């Protein structure tokens, strides 16, 4: 792994003579070793200027926050640059807006070190990490970098939320962060907390809608899981009843129609199951499991050519899906195409040696 350059390599610590210190600023105690940034390419002692001293102190605060004199450096910088919070906040937002995240992060880390416990500074550093993670999320070549920013955002949000005076916007944006991580339950709690803290009704209105939709989704998701478990455990009627309850309020929920079709198929209610699976195909792009289940229903209804067509489409999506290939063998046998059936079952054995269904059919077909 390539070694990262030392961010403090250009900083030297100087003991400034009392006469020079007093000329530069009364904020510089002559007994304190002062970090000073050496201009790039310059060898030897740097020119001691207020700008070089502030730059050196900021680098220490950002990259060596546990330095024993860090608190003193922060106090000196605040005294030397009384407007630094506003100046750096604006600069950091401009850099974040132009997607120059490394510089924006450096600026907001400096502010967080200069003003520990300040809720605005704590929020800004969390937000810039969050924005960087979102910006890089879709870039596969930078997936690791996006994940690192997301981890930093999580820690920064947690630190900001631990302060005595937490901004409502910190709570809100952490809720969105959790939503992006698919942690819906915790996101819901933070949206609720935001609605409790925020006093501006105009800001609350869109969040209240998000909260309501997410709460509905959570209830639907819980009921869907119950229905799935019921059908899996052989309580198909209970699962079907719960699934129908979901679909009454969310008729475009294709997963619900698939679950309904699956439960009906297990009860041998093939005509109803067929309608449910066809509804899935009208709502979503074809998926292997849907086509396979629909093919089984067609087969049970005696619609063999239609079953074969659905299975062929499923095999195009997943050429090595053993269930689909095995069902293609079964329907080929029913269509009186023994050689084709043998070919499918042999492929199944190649992919899954010892498959009992394929072995049984091959033995039966060999006797024909």
Protein backbone atom coordinates (compact mmCIF):
# COMPACT_ATOMS: atom_id res chain seq x y z
CA UNK A 1 0.00 0.00 0.00
CA UNK A 2 1.31 3.44 -0.90
CA UNK A 3 2.45 5.36 2.15
CA UNK A 4 0.56 8.62 2.64
CA UNK A 5 2.67 11.76 3.07
CA UNK A 6 3.04 13.11 6.59
CA UNK A 7 0.68 16.12 6.84
CA UNK A 8 2.99 17.65 9.46
CA UNK A 9 6.15 17.25 7.39
CA UNK A 10 6.18 20.95 6.50
CA UNK A 11 5.70 22.15 10.09
CA UNK A 12 8.59 23.11 12.35
CA UNK A 13 8.36 23.98 16.04
CA UNK A 14 10.23 27.15 17.01
CA UNK A 15 11.01 28.92 20.23
CA UNK A 16 10.38 32.51 19.26
CA UNK A 17 12.47 35.18 21.00
CA UNK A 18 10.42 37.32 23.35
CA UNK A 19 11.12 40.52 21.39
CA UNK A 20 9.94 38.93 18.10
CA UNK A 21 6.94 37.31 19.76
CA UNK A 22 5.79 40.62 21.20
CA UNK A 23 6.23 42.31 17.81
CA UNK A 24 4.16 39.60 16.07
CA UNK A 25 1.37 39.38 18.61
CA UNK A 26 0.73 39.56 22.31
CA UNK A 27 -1.04 36.21 21.98
CA UNK A 28 2.26 34.35 21.48
CA UNK A 29 3.84 33.33 24.80
CA UNK A 30 7.65 33.30 24.28
CA UNK A 31 8.00 30.16 26.42
CA UNK A 32 5.78 28.08 24.11
CA UNK A 33 7.15 26.12 21.15
CA UNK A 34 5.28 27.56 18.19
CA UNK A 35 4.45 25.42 15.13
CA UNK A 36 5.22 27.28 11.96
CA UNK A 37 4.47 26.13 8.41
CA UNK A 38 7.42 26.19 6.05
CA UNK A 39 6.45 27.33 2.54
CA UNK A 40 6.67 24.54 -0.03
CA UNK A 41 10.14 24.18 -1.56
CA UNK A 42 11.80 26.40 1.05
CA UNK A 43 14.73 24.89 2.95
CA UNK A 44 15.99 26.10 6.30
CA UNK A 45 14.07 28.09 8.94
CA UNK A 46 10.76 29.49 7.67
CA UNK A 47 9.94 33.13 7.62
CA UNK A 48 8.08 33.67 10.89
CA UNK A 49 4.86 35.47 10.03
CA UNK A 50 1.46 35.43 11.67
CA UNK A 51 0.09 33.57 8.61
CA UNK A 52 2.80 30.89 8.87
CA UNK A 53 2.18 30.51 12.61
CA UNK A 54 -1.61 30.19 12.18
CA UNK A 55 -1.16 27.67 9.35
CA UNK A 56 1.25 25.60 11.48
CA UNK A 57 -1.07 25.63 14.48
CA UNK A 58 -4.05 24.62 12.37
CA UNK A 59 -2.16 21.65 10.93
CA UNK A 60 -1.30 20.49 14.44
CA UNK A 61 -4.92 20.89 15.55
CA UNK A 62 -6.17 18.89 12.54
CA UNK A 63 -3.58 16.11 12.40
CA UNK A 64 -2.26 15.95 15.98
CA UNK A 65 -5.30 16.88 18.10
CA UNK A 66 -3.85 15.15 21.20
CA UNK A 67 -0.71 17.34 21.14
CA UNK A 68 -0.11 18.57 24.72
CA UNK A 69 -0.26 22.22 23.61
CA UNK A 70 -3.26 21.82 21.28
CA UNK A 71 -5.60 23.77 23.58
CA UNK A 72 -3.11 26.64 23.78
CA UNK A 73 -2.72 26.69 19.99
CA UNK A 74 -6.49 26.80 19.53
CA UNK A 75 -6.79 29.73 21.93
CA UNK A 76 -4.00 31.60 20.13
CA UNK A 77 -5.60 31.07 16.69
CA UNK A 78 -8.98 32.25 17.95
CA UNK A 79 -7.35 35.40 19.34
CA UNK A 80 -5.29 36.06 16.21
CA UNK A 81 -8.22 35.43 13.83
CA UNK A 82 -11.43 36.37 15.70
CA UNK A 83 -13.55 35.94 12.55
CA UNK A 84 -12.16 32.53 11.64
CA UNK A 85 -15.37 30.61 12.37
CA UNK A 86 -17.45 32.54 9.87
CA UNK A 87 -14.61 32.75 7.34
CA UNK A 88 -13.78 29.04 7.43
CA UNK A 89 -17.42 27.94 7.52
CA UNK A 90 -18.13 29.82 4.31
CA UNK A 91 -14.94 28.52 2.68
CA UNK A 92 -15.72 24.95 3.71
CA UNK A 93 -19.24 25.12 2.30
CA UNK A 94 -17.93 26.49 -0.99
CA UNK A 95 -15.40 23.66 -1.24
CA UNK A 96 -18.03 21.04 -0.36
CA UNK A 97 -20.40 22.53 -2.92
CA UNK A 98 -17.74 22.20 -5.62
CA UNK A 99 -17.09 18.56 -4.50
CA UNK A 100 -13.56 19.36 -3.30
CA UNK A 101 -14.15 17.16 -0.28
CA UNK A 102 -10.54 16.68 0.98
CA UNK A 103 -10.11 20.45 1.38
CA UNK A 104 -13.62 20.87 2.81
CA UNK A 105 -12.93 18.12 5.34
CA UNK A 106 -9.65 19.76 6.35
CA UNK A 107 -11.38 23.12 6.87
CA UNK A 108 -14.21 21.68 8.96
CA UNK A 109 -11.83 19.52 10.99
CA UNK A 110 -9.89 22.69 11.81
CA UNK A 111 -13.09 24.40 12.95
CA UNK A 112 -14.11 21.39 15.07
CA UNK A 113 -10.70 21.49 16.77
CA UNK A 114 -10.83 25.28 17.28
CA UNK A 115 -14.36 25.20 18.71
CA UNK A 116 -14.81 21.87 20.52
CA UNK A 117 -18.37 21.37 21.66
CA UNK A 118 -19.79 23.85 19.17
CA UNK A 119 -22.90 22.18 17.67
CA UNK A 120 -22.60 23.97 14.30
CA UNK A 121 -18.97 22.91 13.82
CA UNK A 122 -19.81 19.35 14.87
CA UNK A 123 -22.72 19.25 12.42
CA UNK A 124 -20.65 20.62 9.54
CA UNK A 125 -17.93 17.98 9.82
CA UNK A 126 -20.54 15.20 9.93
CA UNK A 127 -22.36 16.71 6.95
CA UNK A 128 -19.25 17.00 4.77
CA UNK A 129 -18.32 13.36 5.43
CA UNK A 130 -21.93 12.39 4.65
CA UNK A 131 -21.97 14.40 1.39
CA UNK A 132 -18.65 12.89 0.30
CA UNK A 133 -19.91 9.35 0.95
CA UNK A 134 -23.08 10.03 -1.07
CA UNK A 135 -21.16 11.62 -3.94
CA UNK A 136 -18.79 8.65 -4.28
CA UNK A 137 -21.37 5.93 -3.63
CA UNK A 138 -22.18 5.30 -7.28
CA UNK A 139 -18.53 5.19 -8.39
CA UNK A 140 -17.40 1.54 -8.22
CA UNK A 141 -13.76 2.50 -8.58
CA UNK A 142 -14.03 4.55 -5.38
CA UNK A 143 -16.27 2.23 -3.36
CA UNK A 144 -13.68 1.83 -0.59
CA UNK A 145 -13.27 5.59 -0.28
CA UNK A 146 -17.05 6.02 -0.11
CA UNK A 147 -17.24 3.41 2.66
CA UNK A 148 -14.49 5.18 4.62
CA UNK A 149 -16.33 8.50 4.35
CA UNK A 150 -19.55 6.78 5.49
CA UNK A 151 -17.75 5.38 8.57
CA UNK A 152 -16.36 8.84 9.35
CA UNK A 153 -19.84 10.35 8.92
CA UNK A 154 -21.30 7.82 11.34
CA UNK A 155 -18.71 8.63 14.00
CA UNK A 156 -19.05 12.38 13.44
CA UNK A 157 -22.84 12.25 13.73
CA UNK A 158 -22.57 10.22 16.92
CA UNK A 159 -20.15 12.78 18.38
CA UNK A 160 -22.40 15.68 17.36
CA UNK A 161 -25.44 13.98 18.88
CA UNK A 162 -23.58 13.48 22.17
CA UNK A 163 -23.18 17.25 22.71
CA UNK A 164 -25.29 19.10 25.26
CA UNK A 165 -26.77 21.41 22.64
CA UNK A 166 -27.72 19.32 19.59
CA UNK A 167 -28.98 21.04 16.45
CA UNK A 168 -32.30 19.73 15.07
CA UNK A 169 -30.63 19.57 11.64
CA UNK A 170 -28.04 17.16 13.05
CA UNK A 171 -30.82 14.83 14.17
CA UNK A 172 -32.58 15.15 10.80
CA UNK A 173 -29.52 14.52 8.64
CA UNK A 174 -28.48 11.56 10.77
CA UNK A 175 -31.96 10.19 10.10
CA UNK A 176 -31.35 10.49 6.35
CA UNK A 177 -27.93 8.88 6.80
CA UNK A 178 -29.54 5.90 8.56
CA UNK A 179 -32.19 5.72 5.83
CA UNK A 180 -29.44 5.44 3.22
CA UNK A 181 -27.89 2.64 5.28
CA UNK A 182 -31.32 0.91 5.24
CA UNK A 183 -31.56 1.14 9.02
CA UNK A 184 -35.21 2.10 8.83
CA UNK A 185 -36.13 1.60 12.48
CA UNK A 186 -33.43 3.94 13.80
CA UNK A 187 -34.07 6.43 10.98
CA UNK A 188 -37.73 6.55 12.01
CA UNK A 189 -36.76 7.32 15.61
CA UNK A 190 -34.50 10.20 14.56
CA UNK A 191 -37.14 11.71 12.27
CA UNK A 192 -39.55 11.56 15.20
CA UNK A 193 -36.94 13.22 17.43
CA UNK A 194 -36.41 15.97 14.84
CA UNK A 195 -40.16 16.67 14.73
CA UNK A 196 -40.10 17.00 18.51
CA UNK A 197 -37.14 19.42 18.55
CA UNK A 198 -37.81 21.61 15.49
CA UNK A 199 -40.10 24.59 16.01
CA UNK A 200 -40.38 25.83 12.40
CA UNK A 201 -43.56 24.29 11.00
CA UNK A 202 -42.45 24.93 7.40
CA UNK A 203 -39.38 22.75 7.95
CA UNK A 204 -41.38 20.09 9.78
CA UNK A 205 -44.04 19.59 7.08
CA UNK A 206 -41.96 17.57 4.53
CA UNK A 207 -40.28 15.59 7.32
CA UNK A 208 -43.67 14.72 8.80
CA UNK A 209 -44.64 13.24 5.41
CA UNK A 210 -41.41 11.21 5.24
CA UNK A 211 -42.01 10.02 8.81
CA UNK A 212 -45.55 8.92 7.96
CA UNK A 213 -44.47 7.05 4.81
CA UNK A 214 -41.61 5.36 6.63
CA UNK A 215 -43.85 4.34 9.53
CA UNK A 216 -46.31 2.83 7.05
CA UNK A 217 -43.48 1.01 5.30
CA UNK A 218 -42.25 -0.39 8.62
CA UNK A 219 -45.69 -1.78 9.44
CA UNK A 220 -46.00 -3.21 5.93
CA UNK A 221 -42.54 -4.77 6.14
CA UNK A 222 -43.32 -6.39 9.50
CA UNK A 223 -46.61 -7.80 8.17
CA UNK A 224 -44.87 -9.03 5.00
CA UNK A 225 -42.30 -10.91 7.09
CA UNK A 226 -45.08 -12.45 9.17
CA UNK A 227 -46.89 -13.56 6.01
CA UNK A 228 -43.71 -15.03 4.55
CA UNK A 229 -43.02 -16.94 7.76
CA UNK A 230 -46.60 -18.25 7.86
CA UNK A 231 -46.40 -19.63 4.32
CA UNK A 232 -42.95 -21.11 4.94
CA UNK A 233 -44.22 -22.91 8.05
CA UNK A 234 -47.25 -24.36 6.26
CA UNK A 235 -49.80 -21.83 7.49
CA UNK A 236 -50.63 -20.69 3.98
CA UNK A 237 -54.14 -19.42 4.73
CA UNK A 238 -52.81 -17.07 7.44
CA UNK A 239 -50.03 -15.87 5.13
CA UNK A 240 -52.44 -15.26 2.26
CA UNK A 241 -54.81 -13.31 4.52
CA UNK A 242 -51.98 -11.04 5.71
CA UNK A 243 -50.66 -10.59 2.19
CA UNK A 244 -54.10 -9.55 0.93
CA UNK A 245 -54.26 -6.98 3.75
CA UNK A 246 -50.98 -5.48 2.51
CA UNK A 247 -52.19 -5.39 -1.10
CA UNK A 248 -55.45 -3.62 -0.17
CA UNK A 249 -53.40 -0.54 0.82
CA UNK A 250 -50.47 -1.08 -1.58
CA UNK A 251 -51.84 -2.66 -4.78
CA UNK A 252 -48.60 -1.92 -6.69
CA UNK A 253 -46.39 -3.81 -4.22
CA UNK A 254 -45.12 -6.54 -6.56
CA UNK A 255 -43.43 -8.51 -3.76
CA UNK A 256 -46.84 -8.85 -2.15
CA UNK A 257 -48.35 -10.30 -5.34
CA UNK A 258 -45.46 -12.74 -5.61
CA UNK A 259 -45.95 -13.88 -2.01
CA UNK A 260 -49.68 -14.26 -2.65
CA UNK A 261 -49.05 -16.36 -5.75
CA UNK A 262 -46.55 -18.53 -3.90
CA UNK A 263 -49.01 -19.21 -1.07
CA UNK A 264 -51.84 -19.99 -3.50
CA UNK A 265 -49.61 -22.29 -5.55
CA UNK A 266 -48.70 -24.24 -2.40
CA UNK A 267 -52.42 -24.75 -1.79
CA UNK A 268 -52.85 -26.01 -5.39
CA UNK A 269 -55.06 -23.01 -6.23
CA UNK A 270 -53.30 -22.72 -9.55
CA UNK A 271 -55.66 -20.43 -11.46
CA UNK A 272 -55.56 -17.81 -8.68
CA UNK A 273 -51.79 -18.23 -8.37
CA UNK A 274 -51.40 -17.66 -12.11
CA UNK A 275 -53.31 -14.37 -11.89
CA UNK A 276 -51.08 -13.24 -8.99
CA UNK A 277 -47.84 -14.04 -10.85
CA UNK A 278 -49.10 -12.32 -14.01
CA UNK A 279 -49.79 -9.27 -11.86
CA UNK A 280 -46.16 -9.34 -10.71
CA UNK A 281 -45.00 -9.28 -14.35
CA UNK A 282 -47.23 -6.29 -15.02
CA UNK A 283 -45.64 -4.35 -12.16
CA UNK A 284 -41.95 -5.29 -12.37
CA UNK A 285 -39.35 -6.48 -14.84
CA UNK A 286 -39.20 -10.28 -15.27
CA UNK A 287 -37.31 -12.08 -12.53
CA UNK A 288 -36.14 -15.67 -12.47
CA UNK A 289 -38.13 -16.77 -9.41
CA UNK A 290 -41.34 -15.20 -10.71
CA UNK A 291 -41.00 -16.86 -14.13
CA UNK A 292 -40.16 -20.21 -12.54
CA UNK A 293 -43.19 -20.09 -10.21
CA UNK A 294 -45.46 -19.03 -13.05
CA UNK A 295 -44.09 -21.89 -15.19
CA UNK A 296 -44.95 -24.38 -12.45
CA UNK A 297 -48.50 -23.05 -12.35
CA UNK A 298 -48.80 -23.26 -16.15
CA UNK A 299 -47.55 -26.84 -15.97
CA UNK A 300 -50.10 -27.79 -13.32
CA UNK A 301 -52.86 -26.22 -15.44
CA UNK A 302 -51.75 -28.26 -18.47
CA UNK A 303 -50.40 -25.20 -20.29
CA UNK A 304 -47.15 -26.92 -21.20
CA UNK A 305 -45.98 -24.73 -24.08
CA UNK A 306 -46.57 -21.62 -21.99
CA UNK A 307 -44.67 -23.23 -19.12
CA UNK A 308 -41.75 -24.02 -21.43
CA UNK A 309 -41.74 -20.41 -22.70
CA UNK A 310 -41.62 -18.97 -19.19
CA UNK A 311 -38.79 -21.32 -18.18
CA UNK A 312 -36.80 -20.48 -21.29
CA UNK A 313 -37.07 -16.78 -20.39
CA UNK A 314 -35.93 -17.58 -16.84
CA UNK A 315 -32.95 -19.56 -18.15
CA UNK A 316 -31.91 -16.57 -20.27
CA UNK A 317 -31.74 -14.52 -17.07
CA UNK A 318 -29.87 -17.20 -15.10
CA UNK A 319 -28.39 -19.88 -17.39
CA UNK A 320 -27.06 -21.95 -14.47
CA UNK A 321 -30.14 -21.88 -12.24
CA UNK A 322 -30.61 -25.55 -11.30
CA UNK A 323 -34.31 -25.19 -10.41
CA UNK A 324 -35.12 -23.65 -13.78
CA UNK A 325 -33.09 -26.22 -15.75
CA UNK A 326 -34.66 -29.08 -13.82
CA UNK A 327 -38.16 -27.74 -14.52
CA UNK A 328 -37.25 -27.37 -18.20
CA UNK A 329 -36.36 -31.06 -18.14
CA UNK A 330 -39.68 -31.93 -16.52
CA UNK A 331 -41.81 -29.92 -18.96
CA UNK A 332 -39.77 -31.21 -21.92
CA UNK A 333 -40.56 -34.76 -20.79
CA UNK A 334 -44.26 -33.87 -20.52
CA UNK A 335 -44.08 -32.41 -24.04
CA UNK A 336 -42.67 -35.75 -25.23
CA UNK A 337 -39.24 -34.35 -26.04
CA UNK A 338 -37.07 -36.96 -24.28
CA UNK A 339 -33.72 -36.00 -25.81
CA UNK A 340 -34.21 -32.39 -24.86
CA UNK A 341 -35.23 -33.44 -21.34
CA UNK A 342 -32.10 -35.59 -21.00
CA UNK A 343 -29.95 -32.61 -22.03
CA UNK A 344 -31.44 -30.39 -19.34
CA UNK A 345 -31.08 -33.03 -16.62
CA UNK A 346 -27.47 -33.75 -17.59
CA UNK A 347 -26.72 -30.04 -17.28
CA UNK A 348 -28.29 -30.08 -13.82
CA UNK A 349 -26.01 -32.97 -12.80
CA UNK A 350 -22.97 -31.08 -14.09
CA UNK A 351 -23.91 -28.10 -11.96
CA UNK A 352 -25.17 -30.05 -8.96
CA UNK A 353 -23.80 -33.63 -8.89
CA UNK A 354 -26.14 -35.99 -7.07
CA UNK A 355 -29.28 -33.93 -7.69
CA UNK A 356 -32.02 -36.49 -6.84
CA UNK A 357 -34.68 -35.11 -9.22
CA UNK A 358 -32.35 -35.07 -12.21
CA UNK A 359 -30.95 -38.54 -11.42
CA UNK A 360 -34.45 -39.96 -11.06
CA UNK A 361 -35.62 -38.53 -14.38
CA UNK A 362 -32.47 -39.65 -16.19
CA UNK A 363 -33.01 -43.18 -14.94
CA UNK A 364 -36.66 -43.08 -16.02
CA UNK A 365 -35.85 -41.63 -19.43
CA UNK A 366 -33.14 -44.23 -20.02
CA UNK A 367 -35.77 -46.97 -19.78
CA UNK A 368 -38.00 -45.43 -22.44
